[in-house]
Amino acid sequence: MTTVLPERPVVSTEVGADASRTWSFIAYPSGELLTVTCMEGCTSDHSQDIETPTHPDDIWCQTTSRDVTLPVNEHGTPEEVNVLSWTLNVRPFDKNVAARLPHVCVELMQDCWIEDLDPDAFEHVIGVLEARVTAMRKAHAQLVRTRQAYRTAR
């Protein structure tokens, strides 16, 4: 039995705001031609998805933050580790319907993620981190006062 695939998909050349990010791919294993419009700001390279049959579960759009590192001592020696990175994602064919809408994943520390946050959950994470930064600012002020008192007493 021979499977006949649809014509090779191409990126849309339609005029419009989403035209440059509307494209089609051949779904594997069905051979169905599916069309996707990337979310605003998507930086994913979909050329491989367009060129070869791809399982719909493997299609996602993503925007990533710039990496920020801090020297973290996890194994006895400080190493530069990514902290507080994030990705904005859409997985348009995901079995989880919520993942088909834009959502955020936050990398607290390298390879330690809080995943699939909707706007309310992301706001909660931001609030928790803001509270910790506020507490750290108070600790910083206390550190400055304590160091000054220590120097003066010596």
C-alpha atoms as a PDB file:
ATOM      1  CA  MET A   1       0.000   0.000   0.000  1.00  0.00           C
ATOM      2  CA  THR A   2       1.403   3.369  -1.025  1.00  0.00           C
ATOM      3  CA  THR A   3       0.592   6.510   0.923  1.00  0.00           C
ATOM      4  CA  VAL A   4       0.076   9.581  -1.224  1.00  0.00           C
ATOM      5  CA  LEU A   5       1.097  12.740   0.559  1.00  0.00           C
ATOM      6  CA  PRO A   6      -0.314  16.172  -0.278  1.00  0.00           C
ATOM      7  CA  GLU A   7       1.830  18.663  -2.137  1.00  0.00           C
ATOM      8  CA  ARG A   8       4.831  20.021  -0.268  1.00  0.00           C
ATOM      9  CA  PRO A   9       3.624  22.816   2.067  1.00  0.00           C
ATOM     10  CA  VAL A  10       5.057  26.304   1.832  1.00  0.00           C
ATOM     11  CA  VAL A  11       4.969  29.384   4.010  1.00  0.00           C
ATOM     12  CA  SER A  12       1.977  31.537   3.162  1.00  0.00           C
ATOM     13  CA  THR A  13       2.533  34.582   0.974  1.00  0.00           C
ATOM     14  CA  GLU A  14      -0.820  36.145   1.879  1.00  0.00           C
ATOM     15  CA  VAL A  15      -0.880  39.835   2.737  1.00  0.00           C
ATOM     16  CA  GLY A  16      -1.726  40.512   6.366  1.00  0.00           C
ATOM     17  CA  ALA A  17      -0.345  40.744   9.884  1.00  0.00           C
ATOM     18  CA  ASP A  18      -0.033  36.957  10.331  1.00  0.00           C
ATOM     19  CA  ALA A  19       1.043  36.157   6.766  1.00  0.00           C
ATOM     20  CA  SER A  20       4.745  35.708   7.489  1.00  0.00           C
ATOM     21  CA  ARG A  21       3.970  33.290  10.323  1.00  0.00           C
ATOM     22  CA  THR A  22       1.239  31.208   8.636  1.00  0.00           C
ATOM     23  CA  TRP A  23       2.518  27.941   7.263  1.00  0.00           C
ATOM     24  CA  SER A  24       1.480  24.367   6.593  1.00  0.00           C
ATOM     25  CA  PHE A  25       2.959  20.964   7.289  1.00  0.00           C
ATOM     26  CA  ILE A  26       2.168  17.353   6.537  1.00  0.00           C
ATOM     27  CA  ALA A  27       0.941  15.600   9.675  1.00  0.00           C
ATOM     28  CA  TYR A  28       2.599  12.294  10.454  1.00  0.00           C
ATOM     29  CA  PRO A  29       1.306   9.585  10.213  1.00  0.00           C
ATOM     30  CA  SER A  30      -2.050  10.721   8.749  1.00  0.00           C
ATOM     31  CA  GLY A  31      -0.606  12.640   5.790  1.00  0.00           C
ATOM     32  CA  GLU A  32      -3.129  15.431   6.411  1.00  0.00           C
ATOM     33  CA  LEU A  33      -2.068  18.961   5.436  1.00  0.00           C
ATOM     34  CA  LEU A  34      -2.426  21.190   8.527  1.00  0.00           C
ATOM     35  CA  THR A  35      -2.042  24.961   8.706  1.00  0.00           C
ATOM     36  CA  VAL A  36      -0.563  26.877  11.634  1.00  0.00           C
ATOM     37  CA  THR A  37      -0.376  30.570  12.404  1.00  0.00           C
ATOM     38  CA  CYS A  38       2.400  31.221  14.890  1.00  0.00           C
ATOM     39  CA  MET A  39       1.717  33.277  17.972  1.00  0.00           C
ATOM     40  CA  GLU A  40       2.907  36.866  17.936  1.00  0.00           C
ATOM     41  CA  GLY A  41       6.632  37.003  18.676  1.00  0.00           C
ATOM     42  CA  CYS A  42       7.345  33.351  17.840  1.00  0.00           C
ATOM     43  CA  THR A  43      11.075  32.872  17.270  1.00  0.00           C
ATOM     44  CA  SER A  44      10.967  29.136  16.507  1.00  0.00           C
ATOM     45  CA  ASP A  45      12.447  27.951  13.220  1.00  0.00           C
ATOM     46  CA  HIS A  46       9.678  25.870  11.655  1.00  0.00           C
ATOM     47  CA  SER A  47      11.557  25.077   8.436  1.00  0.00           C
ATOM     48  CA  GLN A  48      12.125  21.434   9.453  1.00  0.00           C
ATOM     49  CA  ASP A  49       8.417  21.071  10.296  1.00  0.00           C
ATOM     50  CA  ILE A  50       7.499  22.452   6.862  1.00  0.00           C
ATOM     51  CA  GLU A  51       9.980  20.290   4.951  1.00  0.00           C
ATOM     52  CA  THR A  52       9.261  16.863   6.435  1.00  0.00           C
ATOM     53  CA  PRO A  53       6.168  15.097   7.760  1.00  0.00           C
ATOM     54  CA  THR A  54       5.890  16.006  11.445  1.00  0.00           C
ATOM     55  CA  HIS A  55       3.726  14.681  14.238  1.00  0.00           C
ATOM     56  CA  PRO A  56       1.338  17.458  15.341  1.00  0.00           C
ATOM     57  CA  ASP A  57       2.426  16.952  18.975  1.00  0.00           C
ATOM     58  CA  ASP A  58       5.905  18.143  17.925  1.00  0.00           C
ATOM     59  CA  ILE A  59       4.673  21.526  16.697  1.00  0.00           C
ATOM     60  CA  TRP A  60       5.062  24.453  19.090  1.00  0.00           C
ATOM     61  CA  CYS A  61       5.712  28.172  18.964  1.00  0.00           C
ATOM     62  CA  GLN A  62       8.043  29.785  21.440  1.00  0.00           C
ATOM     63  CA  THR A  63       9.619  33.046  22.515  1.00  0.00           C
ATOM     64  CA  THR A  64      12.447  32.891  25.040  1.00  0.00           C
ATOM     65  CA  SER A  65      13.966  35.328  27.488  1.00  0.00           C
ATOM     66  CA  ARG A  66      17.588  36.316  27.476  1.00  0.00           C
ATOM     67  CA  ASP A  67      19.661  34.077  29.732  1.00  0.00           C
ATOM     68  CA  VAL A  68      20.788  35.493  33.068  1.00  0.00           C
ATOM     69  CA  THR A  69      23.277  33.598  35.198  1.00  0.00           C
ATOM     70  CA  LEU A  70      24.466  33.682  38.789  1.00  0.00           C
ATOM     71  CA  PRO A  71      27.350  31.771  40.419  1.00  0.00           C
ATOM     72  CA  VAL A  72      25.517  28.924  42.186  1.00  0.00           C
ATOM     73  CA  ASN A  73      27.377  26.494  44.447  1.00  0.00           C
ATOM     74  CA  GLU A  74      25.463  23.229  44.083  1.00  0.00           C
ATOM     75  CA  HIS A  75      28.359  20.739  44.189  1.00  0.00           C
ATOM     76  CA  GLY A  76      31.102  22.451  46.194  1.00  0.00           C
ATOM     77  CA  THR A  77      32.284  24.948  43.559  1.00  0.00           C
ATOM     78  CA  PRO A  78      30.352  27.944  42.226  1.00  0.00           C
ATOM     79  CA  GLU A  79      29.224  27.537  38.612  1.00  0.00           C
ATOM     80  CA  GLU A  80      27.380  30.010  36.390  1.00  0.00           C
ATOM     81  CA  VAL A  81      23.788  28.754  36.257  1.00  0.00           C
ATOM     82  CA  ASN A  82      20.779  30.123  34.369  1.00  0.00           C
ATOM     83  CA  VAL A  83      18.238  31.654  36.748  1.00  0.00           C
ATOM     84  CA  LEU A  84      14.762  33.085  36.254  1.00  0.00           C
ATOM     85  CA  SER A  85      14.549  32.403  32.532  1.00  0.00           C
ATOM     86  CA  TRP A  86      11.173  31.990  30.864  1.00  0.00           C
ATOM     87  CA  THR A  87       9.590  30.827  27.647  1.00  0.00           C
ATOM     88  CA  LEU A  88       6.262  31.920  26.175  1.00  0.00           C
ATOM     89  CA  ASN A  89       4.761  28.918  24.380  1.00  0.00           C
ATOM     90  CA  VAL A  90       1.842  27.649  22.305  1.00  0.00           C
ATOM     91  CA  ARG A  91       1.440  23.990  21.368  1.00  0.00           C
ATOM     92  CA  PRO A  92      -1.423  24.251  18.851  1.00  0.00           C
ATOM     93  CA  PHE A  93      -2.172  20.508  18.607  1.00  0.00           C
ATOM     94  CA  ASP A  94      -1.503  19.465  22.201  1.00  0.00           C
ATOM     95  CA  LYS A  95      -3.861  16.946  23.828  1.00  0.00           C
ATOM     96  CA  ASN A  96      -4.075  19.365  26.780  1.00  0.00           C
ATOM     97  CA  VAL A  97      -6.398  22.061  25.472  1.00  0.00           C
ATOM     98  CA  ALA A  98      -4.923  24.672  27.850  1.00  0.00           C
ATOM     99  CA  ALA A  99      -1.495  24.241  26.177  1.00  0.00           C
ATOM    100  CA  ARG A 100      -3.067  25.364  22.882  1.00  0.00           C
ATOM    101  CA  LEU A 101      -3.305  28.863  24.341  1.00  0.00           C
ATOM    102  CA  PRO A 102      -0.249  31.014  25.063  1.00  0.00           C
ATOM    103  CA  HIS A 103       1.305  30.077  28.406  1.00  0.00           C
ATOM    104  CA  VAL A 104       4.591  30.627  30.203  1.00  0.00           C
ATOM    105  CA  CYS A 105       7.173  28.258  31.653  1.00  0.00           C
ATOM    106  CA  VAL A 106       9.591  29.714  34.219  1.00  0.00           C
ATOM    107  CA  GLU A 107      13.040  28.233  34.806  1.00  0.00           C
ATOM    108  CA  LEU A 108      13.773  29.119  38.419  1.00  0.00           C
ATOM    109  CA  MET A 109      17.233  27.658  38.183  1.00  0.00           C
ATOM    110  CA  GLN A 110      18.857  25.679  35.396  1.00  0.00           C
ATOM    111  CA  ASP A 111      16.665  22.647  34.583  1.00  0.00           C
ATOM    112  CA  CYS A 112      14.156  23.421  37.382  1.00  0.00           C
ATOM    113  CA  TRP A 113      10.898  24.572  35.793  1.00  0.00           C
ATOM    114  CA  ILE A 114       7.434  25.756  36.786  1.00  0.00           C
ATOM    115  CA  GLU A 115       5.501  24.843  33.653  1.00  0.00           C
ATOM    116  CA  ASP A 116       2.375  25.751  31.708  1.00  0.00           C
ATOM    117  CA  LEU A 117       1.372  28.872  33.624  1.00  0.00           C
ATOM    118  CA  ASP A 118      -1.725  30.763  32.520  1.00  0.00           C
ATOM    119  CA  PRO A 119      -1.783  34.537  33.164  1.00  0.00           C
ATOM    120  CA  ASP A 120      -3.179  34.178  36.714  1.00  0.00           C
ATOM    121  CA  ALA A 121      -0.686  31.496  37.725  1.00  0.00           C
ATOM    122  CA  PHE A 122       2.185  33.494  36.191  1.00  0.00           C
ATOM    123  CA  GLU A 123       1.041  36.572  38.131  1.00  0.00           C
ATOM    124  CA  HIS A 124       1.111  34.469  41.312  1.00  0.00           C
ATOM    125  CA  VAL A 125       4.711  33.387  40.611  1.00  0.00           C
ATOM    126  CA  ILE A 126       5.691  37.010  39.955  1.00  0.00           C
ATOM    127  CA  GLY A 127       4.038  38.036  43.240  1.00  0.00           C
ATOM    128  CA  VAL A 128       5.924  35.379  45.190  1.00  0.00           C
ATOM    129  CA  LEU A 129       9.221  36.465  43.622  1.00  0.00           C
ATOM    130  CA  GLU A 130       8.458  40.156  44.276  1.00  0.00           C
ATOM    131  CA  ALA A 131       7.818  39.350  47.939  1.00  0.00           C
ATOM    132  CA  ARG A 132      11.149  37.524  48.139  1.00  0.00           C
ATOM    133  CA  VAL A 133      12.973  40.445  46.468  1.00  0.00           C
ATOM    134  CA  THR A 134      11.341  42.823  48.974  1.00  0.00           C
ATOM    135  CA  ALA A 135      12.522  40.600  51.841  1.00  0.00           C
ATOM    136  CA  MET A 136      16.006  40.429  50.299  1.00  0.00           C
ATOM    137  CA  ARG A 137      16.127  44.250  50.049  1.00  0.00           C
ATOM    138  CA  LYS A 138      15.345  44.442  53.786  1.00  0.00           C
ATOM    139  CA  ALA A 139      18.053  41.860  54.464  1.00  0.00           C
ATOM    140  CA  HIS A 140      20.451  43.925  52.313  1.00  0.00           C
ATOM    141  CA  ALA A 141      19.717  47.056  54.369  1.00  0.00           C
ATOM    142  CA  GLN A 142      20.248  45.048  57.552  1.00  0.00           C
ATOM    143  CA  LEU A 143      23.535  43.683  56.165  1.00  0.00           C
ATOM    144  CA  VAL A 144      24.763  47.207  55.367  1.00  0.00           C
ATOM    145  CA  ARG A 145      23.859  48.433  58.888  1.00  0.00           C
ATOM    146  CA  THR A 146      25.377  45.367  60.550  1.00  0.00           C
ATOM    147  CA  ARG A 147      28.631  45.644  58.598  1.00  0.00           C
ATOM    148  CA  GLN A 148      28.919  49.325  59.435  1.00  0.00           C
ATOM    149  CA  ALA A 149      28.304  48.610  63.131  1.00  0.00           C
ATOM    150  CA  TYR A 150      30.832  45.779  63.049  1.00  0.00           C
ATOM    151  CA  ARG A 151      33.497  47.991  61.454  1.00  0.00           C
ATOM    152  CA  THR A 152      32.821  50.785  63.941  1.00  0.00           C
ATOM    153  CA  ALA A 153      33.055  48.427  66.930  1.00  0.00           C
ATOM    154  CA  ARG A 154      36.455  47.070  65.899  1.00  0.00           C
END
